[in-house]
Amino acid sequence: MASSNSETEGPDLTKGVSFGDLVDGKPLLGHVGEEAVILVRRGDHAFAIGATCSHYGGPLAEGLVVGDTVRCPWHHAAFCLKTGVPLRPPALNPLDCWQVDRDGDQARVGKKIEPAEPPKVEGPASVVIIGGGAAGAVAAETLRREGYQGLITLLSADSAPPVDRPNLSKDYLAGTAPEEWIPLRPAEFHKAHKIDLRLETEVTGIDTAKREVTIKGGERLTYGVLLLATGAEPIHLPTPGADLPHVHYLRTLADSRAIIKAAEKAKTAVVVGASFIGLEVAASLRTRELEVHVVAPEEIPMAKVLGPELGEMVKQVHTDKGVHFHLGQTADRITADAVTLSGGEEIKADLVVMGVGVRPRLALAEQAGLATDHGVTVDQYLQTSAAGVFAAGDIARWPDPHTGQAIRVEHWVVAERQGRTAALNMLGRRDPFDAVPFFWSNHYDTAIQYMGHAESWDSLQIDGDVMAQDCRVSFLKGGRLLAVATVGRDAEGLQAELKLEGG
């Protein structure tokens, strides 16, 4: 969903600007021809780089400069100012960079810099990645970007190549994003980069002693290094009728397509569960003009994660759009045309979507004898208890330096960042995974950013007006800042992330 910005705002940087007028660390938006460019001063040097984030087109002129990087205010991707290389997902594509020449006090942007080919690096004889989600896809890309020349095999149980999963419950499901935005990479990408992507491939076993993976049907693959990135699966409740044809779950592109197809004929939908996914589905179905009901056991949606104030705000956003909430209740029974609630009410429903959360896919890890504890236990380098085996994404439980605890997080951006770190460490680096967890959630035109990790807290500090969707909410425990959520304050979200990093 990356977009280009061809507007020629600001000065023509090829004509030069006063170096003395540049504020260190504050991007200056300008242009080179028709291309939007930011000029960034760092000490006695200046860097020119494309002004539009390659993820969703965020404005880097409004971003945050940290060291020799610039961070996007929308979804916190980071790029190297010197090379344009994406250093933090969710951005995957590099940005163009330009030469900056100094002539006295004048800084002029010159010709575009040709990207350098990565040097070939030594590494394991082969890499096998199990899982075609965010962590696995980014790991495979990172290996090639870093110059790894060996065999890469990406085994995915999915029928589709790696996709932009957050969009499956957001714009794509709402009908406001075309399907060509959904694949992370075009069809020819993996072949061009010599990544052996195998779809609809079920791995049945891992032998860590022989360094061997068994595929359904009997084929065996040896590996030099293995990345386990099997992700999570939707929780299926034992609700009578939950297996009926009009009841859907959302995890894959096929799931999203099935809900879209059902929504074309449906008039009324019931979403069971007020999770982030559940409420994003509710927003998407309302955008498609269905009557939508949300059933959930809590009294305030998402209060456990966001606190009661933000939870009430989200509820009001949905209520204003016509969503009907049935809180403090569960679905007792689903029939072909209705959902019966625990309070006895019956809601007519042509379409039911279950959004009650996910659980990590741990069967392979357990079969292989890997250490597990509410996830696959990894060290700070994402190495499991078995030599040559790494884990990343929704299954990984890692020692978080910011909370001082072992945590497991089911966030798309976290999975991508872990995939990148795991790839670097599979090549022999010793890069600890120390990124602050980050996610975003969209509800119509309301976007929530969340930085950090707070499984529990004893106090909330609110700055601004929550109901006006202009606020920063800080989550503290014992006086220690654990997480920050922002609405309508992208720049403060970046600053909060940096603070949580200890920067």
Protein backbone atom coordinates (compact mmCIF):
# COMPACT_ATOMS: atom_id res chain seq x y z
CA MET A 1 0.00 0.00 0.00
CA ALA A 2 3.01 2.25 -0.40
CA SER A 3 2.27 5.48 -2.17
CA SER A 4 4.45 8.06 -3.84
CA ASN A 5 4.40 11.75 -3.08
CA SER A 6 4.94 13.79 -6.23
CA GLU A 7 3.96 17.12 -4.71
CA THR A 8 6.75 19.65 -4.84
CA GLU A 9 6.41 21.20 -1.39
CA GLY A 10 9.18 23.25 0.14
CA PRO A 11 12.36 24.51 -1.50
CA ASP A 12 14.07 23.12 -4.57
CA LEU A 13 16.93 21.42 -2.78
CA THR A 14 19.10 21.36 -5.89
CA LYS A 15 19.35 25.16 -5.63
CA GLY A 16 20.75 24.91 -2.14
CA VAL A 17 19.71 25.95 1.33
CA SER A 18 21.63 27.56 4.16
CA PHE A 19 23.34 24.84 6.16
CA GLY A 20 23.31 27.14 9.17
CA ASP A 21 19.52 27.36 8.98
CA LEU A 22 19.11 23.59 9.17
CA VAL A 23 18.13 22.46 12.67
CA ASP A 24 20.08 19.36 13.66
CA GLY A 25 17.73 16.37 13.67
CA LYS A 26 14.74 18.22 12.19
CA PRO A 27 13.87 17.17 8.63
CA LEU A 28 13.41 19.90 6.05
CA LEU A 29 10.84 18.95 3.41
CA GLY A 30 11.76 19.97 -0.11
CA HIS A 31 11.98 18.43 -3.53
CA VAL A 32 14.35 17.34 -6.27
CA GLY A 33 12.47 17.72 -9.52
CA GLU A 34 9.08 16.12 -8.90
CA GLU A 35 10.31 13.90 -6.05
CA ALA A 36 9.66 14.82 -2.43
CA VAL A 37 12.88 14.76 -0.43
CA ILE A 38 13.84 15.52 3.16
CA LEU A 39 17.16 17.11 4.03
CA VAL A 40 18.43 16.17 7.48
CA ARG A 41 21.35 17.74 9.28
CA ARG A 42 23.37 15.58 11.67
CA GLY A 43 26.27 17.47 13.14
CA ASP A 44 28.48 18.71 10.32
CA HIS A 45 26.82 16.48 7.72
CA ALA A 46 23.55 16.56 5.84
CA PHE A 47 21.62 13.70 4.25
CA ALA A 48 18.95 13.73 1.56
CA ILE A 49 16.45 10.88 1.44
CA GLY A 50 12.99 10.23 0.00
CA ALA A 51 10.27 11.92 2.04
CA THR A 52 7.63 9.19 1.80
CA CYS A 53 7.72 5.99 3.85
CA SER A 54 7.75 2.91 1.62
CA HIS A 55 5.23 1.14 3.87
CA TYR A 56 1.95 3.07 3.65
CA GLY A 57 3.29 6.40 2.43
CA GLY A 58 3.76 8.12 5.78
CA PRO A 59 5.28 11.64 5.83
CA LEU A 60 8.87 11.33 7.03
CA ALA A 61 9.15 15.11 7.36
CA GLU A 62 6.87 14.66 10.40
CA GLY A 63 8.93 11.74 11.68
CA LEU A 64 11.65 11.45 14.30
CA VAL A 65 15.38 11.47 13.64
CA VAL A 66 17.31 9.13 15.93
CA GLY A 67 21.04 8.83 15.34
CA ASP A 68 21.51 8.29 11.63
CA THR A 69 17.96 7.05 11.10
CA VAL A 70 14.56 8.59 10.47
CA ARG A 71 11.38 6.99 11.83
CA CYS A 72 7.95 7.17 10.23
CA PRO A 73 5.20 8.72 12.41
CA TRP A 74 2.49 6.36 11.16
CA HIS A 75 3.77 2.84 11.85
CA HIS A 76 7.30 3.46 13.14
CA ALA A 77 9.36 2.07 10.28
CA ALA A 78 12.97 3.32 10.33
CA PHE A 79 15.38 4.06 7.50
CA CYS A 80 19.11 4.67 7.40
CA LEU A 81 19.73 8.29 6.38
CA LYS A 82 22.97 7.35 4.64
CA THR A 83 21.72 4.47 2.49
CA GLY A 84 17.90 4.52 2.57
CA VAL A 85 17.89 0.90 3.72
CA PRO A 86 14.89 -0.02 5.91
CA LEU A 87 16.24 -0.90 9.34
CA ARG A 88 12.90 -1.45 11.06
CA PRO A 89 9.78 -3.01 9.62
CA PRO A 90 7.00 -2.63 8.67
CA ALA A 91 8.75 -0.92 5.74
CA LEU A 92 10.45 -3.45 3.45
CA ASN A 93 11.57 -1.33 0.49
CA PRO A 94 14.54 1.07 0.64
CA LEU A 95 14.26 4.78 -0.10
CA ASP A 96 16.26 6.73 -2.64
CA CYS A 97 19.12 8.86 -1.38
CA TRP A 98 20.86 11.85 -2.95
CA GLN A 99 24.34 13.26 -2.69
CA VAL A 100 24.62 16.45 -0.63
CA ASP A 101 27.39 18.90 -1.54
CA ARG A 102 28.63 21.71 0.71
CA ASP A 103 29.79 25.03 -0.71
CA GLY A 104 30.48 27.32 2.20
CA ASP A 105 27.18 27.74 4.02
CA GLN A 106 25.19 26.29 1.12
CA ALA A 107 24.04 22.66 1.13
CA ARG A 108 22.93 21.49 -2.31
CA VAL A 109 21.34 18.20 -3.17
CA GLY A 110 23.00 16.63 -6.19
CA LYS A 111 22.63 13.39 -8.07
CA LYS A 112 20.82 10.31 -6.84
CA ILE A 113 23.08 7.75 -5.17
CA GLU A 114 23.10 4.31 -6.74
CA PRO A 115 22.41 1.67 -4.08
CA ALA A 116 25.40 -0.52 -3.31
CA GLU A 117 25.25 -4.27 -3.76
CA PRO A 118 25.59 -6.06 -0.42
CA PRO A 119 28.84 -7.96 0.01
CA LYS A 120 28.51 -11.71 -0.05
CA VAL A 121 28.52 -13.15 3.43
CA GLU A 122 29.43 -16.52 4.79
CA GLY A 123 26.64 -18.38 6.51
CA PRO A 124 25.07 -21.77 7.04
CA ALA A 125 24.88 -24.18 4.12
CA SER A 126 21.12 -23.78 4.02
CA VAL A 127 18.27 -22.05 5.84
CA VAL A 128 14.82 -23.56 6.27
CA ILE A 129 12.02 -21.29 7.47
CA ILE A 130 8.76 -22.82 8.68
CA GLY A 131 5.95 -20.29 8.40
CA GLY A 132 5.00 -17.87 5.64
CA GLY A 133 3.78 -15.06 7.87
CA ALA A 134 5.43 -11.81 8.85
CA ALA A 135 8.45 -13.25 10.66
CA GLY A 136 9.26 -15.88 8.05
CA ALA A 137 8.83 -13.58 5.07
CA VAL A 138 10.98 -10.80 6.52
CA ALA A 139 13.66 -13.27 7.61
CA ALA A 140 13.99 -14.64 4.07
CA GLU A 141 14.23 -11.12 2.61
CA THR A 142 16.76 -10.01 5.18
CA LEU A 143 19.03 -12.96 4.46
CA ARG A 144 19.22 -11.95 0.80
CA ARG A 145 19.54 -8.23 1.57
CA GLU A 146 22.50 -9.02 3.81
CA GLY A 147 24.26 -10.91 1.01
CA TYR A 148 23.55 -14.52 2.00
CA GLN A 149 24.04 -16.79 -1.03
CA GLY A 150 22.97 -20.16 0.35
CA LEU A 151 19.74 -22.10 -0.08
CA ILE A 152 16.61 -20.59 1.48
CA THR A 153 13.46 -22.69 1.70
CA LEU A 154 10.30 -21.02 2.98
CA LEU A 155 7.64 -23.57 3.93
CA SER A 156 4.13 -22.17 4.32
CA ALA A 157 0.92 -23.99 5.15
CA ASP A 158 -1.01 -21.12 3.59
CA SER A 159 -2.36 -21.18 0.04
CA ALA A 160 -1.27 -17.57 -0.59
CA PRO A 161 2.21 -16.03 -0.62
CA PRO A 162 3.06 -13.77 2.34
CA VAL A 163 0.41 -11.07 2.69
CA ASP A 164 -0.14 -7.80 4.52
CA ARG A 165 -2.13 -9.47 7.29
CA PRO A 166 -3.24 -6.31 9.17
CA ASN A 167 -5.09 -5.25 6.04
CA LEU A 168 -7.19 -8.42 6.04
CA SER A 169 -9.35 -6.98 8.83
CA LYS A 170 -8.98 -3.33 7.83
CA ASP A 171 -9.17 -1.68 4.39
CA TYR A 172 -9.24 -4.85 2.32
CA LEU A 173 -12.13 -6.32 4.28
CA ALA A 174 -13.88 -2.94 4.21
CA GLY A 175 -13.61 -2.85 0.42
CA THR A 176 -11.47 0.29 0.34
CA ALA A 177 -8.19 -1.42 -0.59
CA PRO A 178 -7.75 -3.40 -3.83
CA GLU A 179 -6.41 -6.94 -3.71
CA GLU A 180 -3.15 -5.96 -5.40
CA TRP A 181 -2.19 -4.17 -2.17
CA ILE A 182 -2.38 -7.38 -0.15
CA PRO A 183 0.69 -9.44 -1.21
CA LEU A 184 3.85 -8.28 0.54
CA ARG A 185 5.75 -8.94 -2.67
CA PRO A 186 4.83 -9.45 -6.34
CA ALA A 187 4.51 -12.99 -7.62
CA GLU A 188 7.97 -13.09 -9.20
CA PHE A 189 9.82 -11.75 -6.14
CA HIS A 190 10.71 -15.01 -4.44
CA LYS A 191 11.90 -16.68 -7.62
CA ALA A 192 14.01 -13.65 -8.52
CA HIS A 193 15.66 -13.73 -5.10
CA LYS A 194 16.12 -17.52 -5.14
CA ILE A 195 13.79 -18.11 -2.23
CA ASP A 196 12.17 -21.52 -2.60
CA LEU A 197 8.64 -20.64 -1.44
CA ARG A 198 6.49 -23.74 -1.02
CA LEU A 199 2.81 -23.08 -0.36
CA GLU A 200 0.25 -25.47 1.12
CA THR A 201 3.14 -27.35 2.68
CA GLU A 202 2.61 -29.01 6.03
CA VAL A 203 5.65 -29.76 8.17
CA THR A 204 5.05 -32.84 10.30
CA GLY A 205 8.27 -33.07 12.28
CA ILE A 206 11.65 -31.61 13.18
CA ASP A 207 14.71 -33.68 14.12
CA THR A 208 17.10 -31.24 15.78
CA ALA A 209 19.84 -33.86 16.15
CA LYS A 210 19.90 -34.65 12.41
CA ARG A 211 18.95 -31.07 11.50
CA GLU A 212 16.12 -32.39 9.41
CA VAL A 213 12.57 -31.31 8.66
CA THR A 214 9.90 -33.77 7.54
CA ILE A 215 7.14 -32.64 5.20
CA LYS A 216 3.75 -34.31 4.91
CA GLY A 217 4.15 -37.01 2.28
CA GLY A 218 7.56 -38.05 3.61
CA GLU A 219 10.00 -35.60 2.02
CA ARG A 220 12.89 -34.64 4.28
CA LEU A 221 14.88 -31.42 4.12
CA THR A 222 18.18 -30.91 5.87
CA TYR A 223 19.02 -27.49 7.24
CA GLY A 224 22.09 -25.65 8.43
CA VAL A 225 19.91 -23.29 10.44
CA LEU A 226 16.17 -23.43 11.05
CA LEU A 227 13.72 -20.63 11.82
CA LEU A 228 10.46 -21.66 13.42
CA ALA A 229 7.80 -19.03 12.70
CA THR A 230 4.56 -20.98 12.75
CA GLY A 231 2.51 -18.05 14.07
CA ALA A 232 -0.86 -18.34 15.75
CA GLU A 233 -4.28 -19.78 14.99
CA PRO A 234 -7.77 -18.53 15.89
CA ILE A 235 -9.32 -19.86 19.07
CA HIS A 236 -12.38 -22.00 18.36
CA LEU A 237 -14.99 -21.90 21.11
CA PRO A 238 -17.13 -24.99 21.79
CA THR A 239 -20.26 -22.97 21.07
CA PRO A 240 -23.06 -25.09 19.57
CA GLY A 241 -23.38 -24.14 15.91
CA ALA A 242 -19.90 -22.61 15.65
CA ASP A 243 -19.10 -25.00 12.79
CA LEU A 244 -21.99 -23.86 10.58
CA PRO A 245 -21.09 -22.62 7.06
CA HIS A 246 -21.95 -18.98 7.74
CA VAL A 247 -19.59 -18.83 10.76
CA HIS A 248 -16.15 -17.48 9.87
CA TYR A 249 -12.76 -16.93 11.45
CA LEU A 250 -10.15 -14.46 10.21
CA ARG A 251 -6.48 -15.26 9.89
CA THR A 252 -5.62 -15.81 6.23
CA LEU A 253 -6.33 -14.15 2.90
CA ALA A 254 -8.71 -17.01 2.13
CA ASP A 255 -10.59 -16.25 5.37
CA SER A 256 -10.91 -12.57 4.47
CA ARG A 257 -12.11 -13.42 0.97
CA ALA A 258 -14.71 -15.78 2.40
CA ILE A 259 -16.07 -13.07 4.73
CA ILE A 260 -16.19 -10.58 1.85
CA LYS A 261 -18.12 -13.07 -0.28
CA ALA A 262 -20.56 -13.76 2.56
CA ALA A 263 -20.98 -10.05 3.25
CA GLU A 264 -22.09 -9.43 -0.34
CA LYS A 265 -25.34 -11.31 0.37
CA ALA A 266 -25.71 -10.74 4.11
CA LYS A 267 -27.72 -7.98 5.76
CA THR A 268 -26.95 -8.62 9.43
CA ALA A 269 -23.66 -9.76 10.99
CA VAL A 270 -22.76 -10.79 14.51
CA VAL A 271 -19.15 -10.47 15.64
CA VAL A 272 -18.40 -12.65 18.65
CA GLY A 273 -15.57 -11.04 20.61
CA ALA A 274 -14.52 -7.41 21.09
CA SER A 275 -10.84 -8.02 20.40
CA PHE A 276 -8.87 -5.70 18.12
CA ILE A 277 -9.55 -8.06 15.21
CA GLY A 278 -13.22 -8.39 16.17
CA LEU A 279 -13.80 -4.65 16.30
CA GLU A 280 -11.83 -4.00 13.12
CA VAL A 281 -14.04 -6.59 11.42
CA ALA A 282 -17.09 -4.80 12.83
CA ALA A 283 -15.86 -1.50 11.38
CA SER A 284 -15.18 -3.09 8.00
CA LEU A 285 -18.62 -4.71 7.83
CA ARG A 286 -20.29 -1.43 8.80
CA THR A 287 -18.36 0.23 5.98
CA ARG A 288 -20.01 -2.36 3.75
CA GLU A 289 -23.35 -1.18 5.21
CA LEU A 290 -24.26 -4.35 7.08
CA GLU A 291 -26.13 -4.19 10.37
CA VAL A 292 -23.48 -5.23 12.88
CA HIS A 293 -23.81 -6.59 16.42
CA VAL A 294 -20.83 -7.21 18.73
CA VAL A 295 -21.14 -9.75 21.54
CA ALA A 296 -18.49 -9.85 24.27
CA PRO A 297 -18.26 -10.84 27.97
CA GLU A 298 -16.48 -7.66 29.12
CA GLU A 299 -18.36 -4.52 30.12
CA ILE A 300 -15.99 -2.19 28.24
CA PRO A 301 -14.36 -3.29 24.98
CA MET A 302 -10.57 -3.69 25.16
CA ALA A 303 -10.37 -2.21 28.65
CA LYS A 304 -7.99 -5.00 29.67
CA VAL A 305 -5.44 -3.79 27.12
CA LEU A 306 -6.17 -0.08 26.70
CA GLY A 307 -7.81 0.86 30.00
CA PRO A 308 -11.44 1.88 30.56
CA GLU A 309 -11.16 5.39 29.13
CA LEU A 310 -9.80 4.36 25.75
CA GLY A 311 -12.13 1.37 25.75
CA GLU A 312 -15.13 3.66 26.18
CA MET A 313 -13.85 5.90 23.41
CA VAL A 314 -13.55 2.96 21.01
CA LYS A 315 -17.03 1.79 21.96
CA GLN A 316 -18.42 5.26 21.28
CA VAL A 317 -16.68 5.42 17.89
CA HIS A 318 -18.40 2.19 16.88
CA THR A 319 -21.73 3.15 18.41
CA ASP A 320 -21.70 6.40 16.46
CA LYS A 321 -21.25 4.35 13.30
CA GLY A 322 -24.27 2.20 14.14
CA VAL A 323 -22.70 -0.88 15.75
CA HIS A 324 -24.91 -2.54 18.37
CA PHE A 325 -23.05 -3.80 21.46
CA HIS A 326 -24.21 -6.70 23.63
CA LEU A 327 -21.66 -6.58 26.45
CA GLY A 328 -21.44 -8.71 29.55
CA GLN A 329 -22.77 -11.61 27.46
CA THR A 330 -21.56 -14.58 25.47
CA ALA A 331 -22.94 -16.49 22.49
CA ASP A 332 -24.73 -19.56 23.83
CA ARG A 333 -25.89 -21.00 20.54
CA ILE A 334 -25.60 -20.30 16.82
CA THR A 335 -28.22 -21.42 14.34
CA ALA A 336 -28.54 -20.97 10.59
CA ASP A 337 -30.12 -17.52 10.98
CA ALA A 338 -29.56 -16.34 14.56
CA VAL A 339 -27.27 -16.13 17.58
CA THR A 340 -28.74 -16.73 21.03
CA LEU A 341 -27.00 -14.86 23.84
CA SER A 342 -26.38 -15.97 27.41
CA GLY A 343 -28.97 -13.43 28.55
CA GLY A 344 -31.60 -15.07 26.37
CA GLU A 345 -31.73 -12.47 23.59
CA GLU A 346 -31.79 -13.77 20.02
CA ILE A 347 -30.07 -11.77 17.26
CA LYS A 348 -30.82 -12.49 13.63
CA ALA A 349 -27.58 -13.14 11.75
CA ASP A 350 -26.80 -13.97 8.12
CA LEU A 351 -23.08 -13.84 8.89
CA VAL A 352 -21.13 -14.62 12.08
CA VAL A 353 -17.45 -13.81 12.62
CA MET A 354 -15.63 -15.25 15.61
CA GLY A 355 -13.00 -12.85 16.97
CA VAL A 356 -12.11 -14.19 20.40
CA GLY A 357 -8.35 -14.24 20.01
CA VAL A 358 -5.61 -16.58 18.85
CA ARG A 359 -3.22 -19.12 20.36
CA PRO A 360 0.38 -19.87 19.31
CA ARG A 361 1.02 -22.90 17.11
CA LEU A 362 3.38 -24.87 19.34
CA ALA A 363 2.85 -28.47 18.19
CA LEU A 364 6.02 -28.64 16.07
CA ALA A 365 8.17 -27.04 18.75
CA GLU A 366 6.84 -29.42 21.39
CA GLN A 367 7.33 -32.43 19.12
CA ALA A 368 10.93 -31.35 18.52
CA GLY A 369 11.56 -31.14 22.27
CA LEU A 370 12.17 -27.38 22.32
CA ALA A 371 11.75 -25.59 25.63
CA THR A 372 8.32 -23.97 25.83
CA ASP A 373 6.57 -21.77 28.37
CA HIS A 374 3.40 -20.16 27.03
CA GLY A 375 5.36 -20.00 23.78
CA VAL A 376 8.71 -21.15 22.45
CA THR A 377 11.40 -20.05 24.88
CA VAL A 378 14.19 -18.08 23.18
CA ASP A 379 17.15 -16.08 24.41
CA GLN A 380 17.85 -12.45 23.59
CA TYR A 381 19.16 -13.51 20.17
CA LEU A 382 15.95 -15.49 19.44
CA GLN A 383 17.83 -18.79 19.70
CA THR A 384 15.77 -21.70 21.07
CA SER A 385 16.98 -24.43 23.40
CA ALA A 386 18.22 -26.43 20.37
CA ALA A 387 21.42 -25.52 18.53
CA GLY A 388 20.79 -24.04 15.11
CA VAL A 389 17.08 -23.45 15.73
CA PHE A 390 15.64 -19.95 16.09
CA ALA A 391 12.05 -18.86 16.69
CA ALA A 392 10.29 -15.59 15.87
CA GLY A 393 6.84 -14.07 15.71
CA ASP A 394 3.70 -15.02 17.60
CA ILE A 395 5.24 -18.19 19.06
CA ALA A 396 8.42 -16.63 20.50
CA ARG A 397 8.67 -15.83 24.21
CA TRP A 398 11.74 -13.68 24.74
CA PRO A 399 13.44 -11.87 27.64
CA ASP A 400 12.21 -8.30 27.25
CA PRO A 401 14.82 -5.84 28.57
CA HIS A 402 12.21 -3.10 29.02
CA THR A 403 9.90 -4.96 31.42
CA GLY A 404 12.50 -7.35 32.83
CA GLN A 405 10.18 -10.25 32.05
CA ALA A 406 9.81 -12.96 29.45
CA ILE A 407 6.98 -11.93 27.16
CA ARG A 408 5.21 -13.16 24.05
CA VAL A 409 3.47 -10.61 21.84
CA GLU A 410 1.06 -11.21 18.96
CA HIS A 411 1.78 -8.06 16.95
CA TRP A 412 2.51 -7.90 13.23
CA VAL A 413 5.33 -5.37 13.51
CA VAL A 414 6.98 -7.32 16.34
CA ALA A 415 6.92 -10.47 14.21
CA GLU A 416 8.52 -8.63 11.27
CA ARG A 417 11.22 -7.12 13.46
CA GLN A 418 11.96 -10.47 15.05
CA GLY A 419 12.22 -12.04 11.60
CA ARG A 420 14.86 -9.48 10.70
CA THR A 421 16.81 -9.97 13.93
CA ALA A 422 16.65 -13.76 13.65
CA ALA A 423 18.01 -13.59 10.08
CA LEU A 424 20.96 -11.46 11.17
CA ASN A 425 21.76 -13.84 13.99
CA MET A 426 21.43 -16.88 11.72
CA LEU A 427 24.28 -15.30 9.76
CA GLY A 428 26.43 -15.20 12.87
CA ARG A 429 25.61 -11.75 14.21
CA ARG A 430 24.87 -11.35 17.89
CA ASP A 431 22.14 -8.71 17.72
CA PRO A 432 19.84 -8.83 20.75
CA PHE A 433 16.16 -8.33 20.07
CA ASP A 434 15.43 -5.25 22.15
CA ALA A 435 12.76 -3.43 20.14
CA VAL A 436 9.88 -1.91 22.05
CA PRO A 437 6.67 -3.72 20.99
CA PHE A 438 4.43 -1.62 18.75
CA PHE A 439 1.06 -2.04 17.12
CA TRP A 440 -1.66 0.09 15.61
CA SER A 441 -5.39 -0.45 15.31
CA ASN A 442 -7.79 1.37 13.01
CA HIS A 443 -11.50 1.91 13.68
CA TYR A 444 -13.00 3.86 10.79
CA ASP A 445 -10.99 7.10 10.81
CA THR A 446 -9.70 6.59 14.34
CA ALA A 447 -6.18 5.19 14.69
CA ILE A 448 -4.68 4.00 17.97
CA GLN A 449 -0.94 3.54 18.39
CA TYR A 450 0.43 1.45 21.25
CA MET A 451 4.08 1.36 22.29
CA GLY A 452 5.45 -0.98 24.96
CA HIS A 453 3.92 -3.89 26.82
CA ALA A 454 1.78 -3.74 29.95
CA GLU A 455 0.10 -7.00 30.91
CA SER A 456 -1.07 -5.20 34.03
CA TRP A 457 -0.73 -1.73 35.53
CA ASP A 458 -1.64 0.06 38.72
CA SER A 459 -2.08 3.59 37.37
CA LEU A 460 -2.95 5.41 34.16
CA GLN A 461 -1.86 8.93 33.30
CA ILE A 462 -4.02 10.65 30.70
CA ASP A 463 -2.93 13.75 28.84
CA GLY A 464 -5.52 15.36 26.58
CA ASP A 465 -9.14 14.54 25.80
CA VAL A 466 -9.76 10.84 25.22
CA MET A 467 -13.30 11.22 23.86
CA ALA A 468 -12.11 13.96 21.49
CA GLN A 469 -9.53 11.46 20.16
CA ASP A 470 -6.61 13.68 21.11
CA CYS A 471 -4.70 12.03 23.92
CA ARG A 472 -1.72 10.18 25.30
CA VAL A 473 -2.34 7.44 27.87
CA SER A 474 0.60 6.17 29.93
CA PHE A 475 0.48 2.78 31.66
CA LEU A 476 2.55 2.54 34.84
CA LYS A 477 3.27 -0.08 37.46
CA GLY A 478 5.06 0.80 40.66
CA GLY A 479 5.83 4.18 39.11
CA ARG A 480 7.58 2.59 36.13
CA LEU A 481 6.40 3.44 32.63
CA LEU A 482 5.51 0.24 30.76
CA ALA A 483 3.52 1.40 27.76
CA VAL A 484 1.97 4.41 26.04
CA ALA A 485 -1.07 4.63 23.78
CA THR A 486 -1.78 7.66 21.63
CA VAL A 487 -4.71 8.83 19.55
CA GLY A 488 -4.21 11.76 17.18
CA ARG A 489 -0.66 12.31 18.41
CA ASP A 490 1.69 10.49 16.06
CA ALA A 491 4.76 12.54 16.97
CA GLU A 492 4.24 11.86 20.67
CA GLY A 493 3.98 8.17 19.87
CA LEU A 494 7.46 8.23 18.37
CA GLN A 495 8.82 10.13 21.36
CA ALA A 496 7.16 7.66 23.73
CA GLU A 497 8.76 4.74 21.89
CA LEU A 498 12.16 6.38 22.18
CA LYS A 499 11.62 7.01 25.89
CA LEU A 500 10.68 3.38 26.44
CA GLU A 501 13.84 2.37 24.63
CA GLY A 502 15.78 4.40 27.16
CA GLY A 503 16.93 6.87 24.53
